[in-house]
Amino acid sequence: MSTTLYEVNDALVVARAEMTELVRGDEQLLIQRVAPLLREKSVALDLRHVDRIDAAGIAALISLYSSARNAGNKFTVCNVSPRVAEILTLVGLEHIFVSHNAVLGSHCESCYERPAA
């Protein structure tokens, strides 16, 4: 599995095209891949391909947010699908996680791919 990484506004944007849902069973892999990045800099998780999120996925986002805060960095999500945005709003987390400043296209010139592990 490859992870696309690129920088926007001093944050590392992490995009995983194969991640179409963030649900129980998938959340630990996400935490394992993103948490180490948060120790070094702020991270925005690109959720453009994610159409489904459950309580475990929300807990993973909260865990990543906490890891970032503990390291003195920021964690946000960007390019959120309407369904995921609706769920984050329902649980009161949309204003904490969602970055409306990073609307990114696949044509980003500073984009490169490398394994997350």
Protein backbone atom coordinates (compact mmCIF):
# COMPACT_ATOMS: atom_id res chain seq x y z
CA MET A 1 0.00 0.00 0.00
CA SER A 2 1.35 3.39 -0.92
CA THR A 3 0.63 6.68 0.70
CA THR A 4 0.75 9.96 -1.18
CA LEU A 5 2.43 12.73 0.77
CA TYR A 6 2.68 16.40 -0.12
CA GLU A 7 3.04 19.66 1.76
CA VAL A 8 0.50 22.46 1.86
CA ASN A 9 0.62 25.44 4.23
CA ASP A 10 3.39 23.92 6.41
CA ALA A 11 1.42 20.70 6.94
CA LEU A 12 2.11 17.29 5.53
CA VAL A 13 -0.96 16.02 3.66
CA VAL A 14 -1.45 12.25 3.81
CA ALA A 15 -3.67 10.66 1.16
CA ARG A 16 -4.38 6.95 0.83
CA ALA A 17 -6.46 6.17 -2.26
CA GLU A 18 -7.13 2.61 -1.11
CA MET A 19 -8.77 3.87 2.09
CA THR A 20 -12.46 4.09 1.20
CA GLU A 21 -13.77 3.63 4.73
CA LEU A 22 -12.50 4.31 8.20
CA VAL A 23 -14.13 1.63 10.32
CA ARG A 24 -13.30 -0.92 13.01
CA GLY A 25 -10.45 -3.09 11.80
CA ASP A 26 -8.89 -0.37 9.63
CA GLU A 27 -8.32 2.27 12.28
CA GLN A 28 -5.20 0.79 13.90
CA LEU A 29 -3.30 0.69 10.60
CA LEU A 30 -4.12 4.36 10.06
CA ILE A 31 -2.89 5.26 13.55
CA GLN A 32 0.30 3.23 13.05
CA ARG A 33 1.07 5.03 9.79
CA VAL A 34 0.12 8.58 10.70
CA ALA A 35 1.08 8.90 14.40
CA PRO A 36 4.85 8.81 13.73
CA LEU A 37 4.47 11.66 11.22
CA LEU A 38 2.67 13.75 13.84
CA ARG A 39 5.71 13.66 16.11
CA GLU A 40 7.63 15.64 13.50
CA LYS A 41 5.10 18.03 11.95
CA SER A 42 1.47 18.95 11.47
CA VAL A 43 -0.57 16.56 9.33
CA ALA A 44 -3.75 16.90 7.29
CA LEU A 45 -5.41 13.59 6.43
CA ASP A 46 -7.02 13.69 2.98
CA LEU A 47 -10.34 11.84 3.23
CA ARG A 48 -11.55 12.43 -0.33
CA HIS A 49 -12.05 8.67 -0.96
CA VAL A 50 -13.62 7.87 2.43
CA ASP A 51 -17.40 7.53 2.26
CA ARG A 52 -17.95 5.62 5.50
CA ILE A 53 -16.75 6.21 9.05
CA ASP A 54 -17.86 4.56 12.30
CA ALA A 55 -17.16 5.06 16.01
CA ALA A 56 -13.77 3.32 15.71
CA GLY A 57 -12.80 5.63 12.86
CA ILE A 58 -13.84 8.67 14.87
CA ALA A 59 -11.85 7.35 17.84
CA ALA A 60 -8.81 6.99 15.54
CA LEU A 61 -9.15 10.63 14.45
CA ILE A 62 -9.38 11.69 18.10
CA SER A 63 -6.29 9.62 18.92
CA LEU A 64 -4.34 11.24 16.07
CA TYR A 65 -5.51 14.69 17.16
CA SER A 66 -4.31 13.96 20.69
CA SER A 67 -0.94 12.69 19.43
CA ALA A 68 -0.48 15.87 17.41
CA ARG A 69 -1.37 18.11 20.35
CA ASN A 70 1.04 16.23 22.62
CA ALA A 71 3.83 16.79 20.08
CA GLY A 72 2.97 20.48 19.66
CA ASN A 73 1.60 19.96 16.15
CA LYS A 74 -1.82 20.09 14.47
CA PHE A 75 -3.98 17.34 13.00
CA THR A 76 -6.83 18.06 10.59
CA VAL A 77 -8.76 16.27 7.89
CA CYS A 78 -9.39 17.76 4.46
CA ASN A 79 -11.38 17.01 1.31
CA VAL A 80 -14.05 15.35 3.45
CA SER A 81 -16.96 13.71 1.64
CA PRO A 82 -20.41 15.12 2.45
CA ARG A 83 -21.39 11.94 4.32
CA VAL A 84 -18.29 11.94 6.54
CA ALA A 85 -18.67 15.69 7.15
CA GLU A 86 -22.27 15.09 8.21
CA ILE A 87 -21.19 12.41 10.72
CA LEU A 88 -18.39 14.57 12.12
CA THR A 89 -20.90 17.41 12.51
CA LEU A 90 -23.40 15.13 14.25
CA VAL A 91 -20.82 14.12 16.86
CA GLY A 92 -19.62 17.72 17.27
CA LEU A 93 -16.13 17.25 15.84
CA GLU A 94 -16.40 18.94 12.45
CA HIS A 95 -15.10 22.27 13.74
CA ILE A 96 -12.10 20.55 15.39
CA PHE A 97 -10.99 18.27 12.56
CA VAL A 98 -12.08 19.64 9.22
CA SER A 99 -9.73 22.01 7.45
CA HIS A 100 -11.56 24.04 4.85
CA ASN A 101 -8.32 25.69 3.74
CA ALA A 102 -6.85 22.62 2.05
CA VAL A 103 -8.90 21.74 -0.98
CA LEU A 104 -6.36 19.90 -3.05
CA GLY A 105 -6.44 18.33 -6.46
CA SER A 106 -4.69 15.26 -7.74
CA HIS A 107 -2.64 17.50 -10.02
CA CYS A 108 -0.62 18.92 -7.13
CA GLU A 109 2.91 19.46 -8.47
CA SER A 110 4.70 18.85 -5.18
CA CYS A 111 3.12 15.41 -4.83
CA TYR A 112 5.16 12.23 -4.48
CA GLU A 113 4.55 8.69 -3.36
CA ARG A 114 6.41 6.59 -0.83
CA PRO A 115 5.52 3.76 1.53
CA ALA A 116 4.30 5.00 4.89
CA ALA A 117 6.15 2.31 6.82
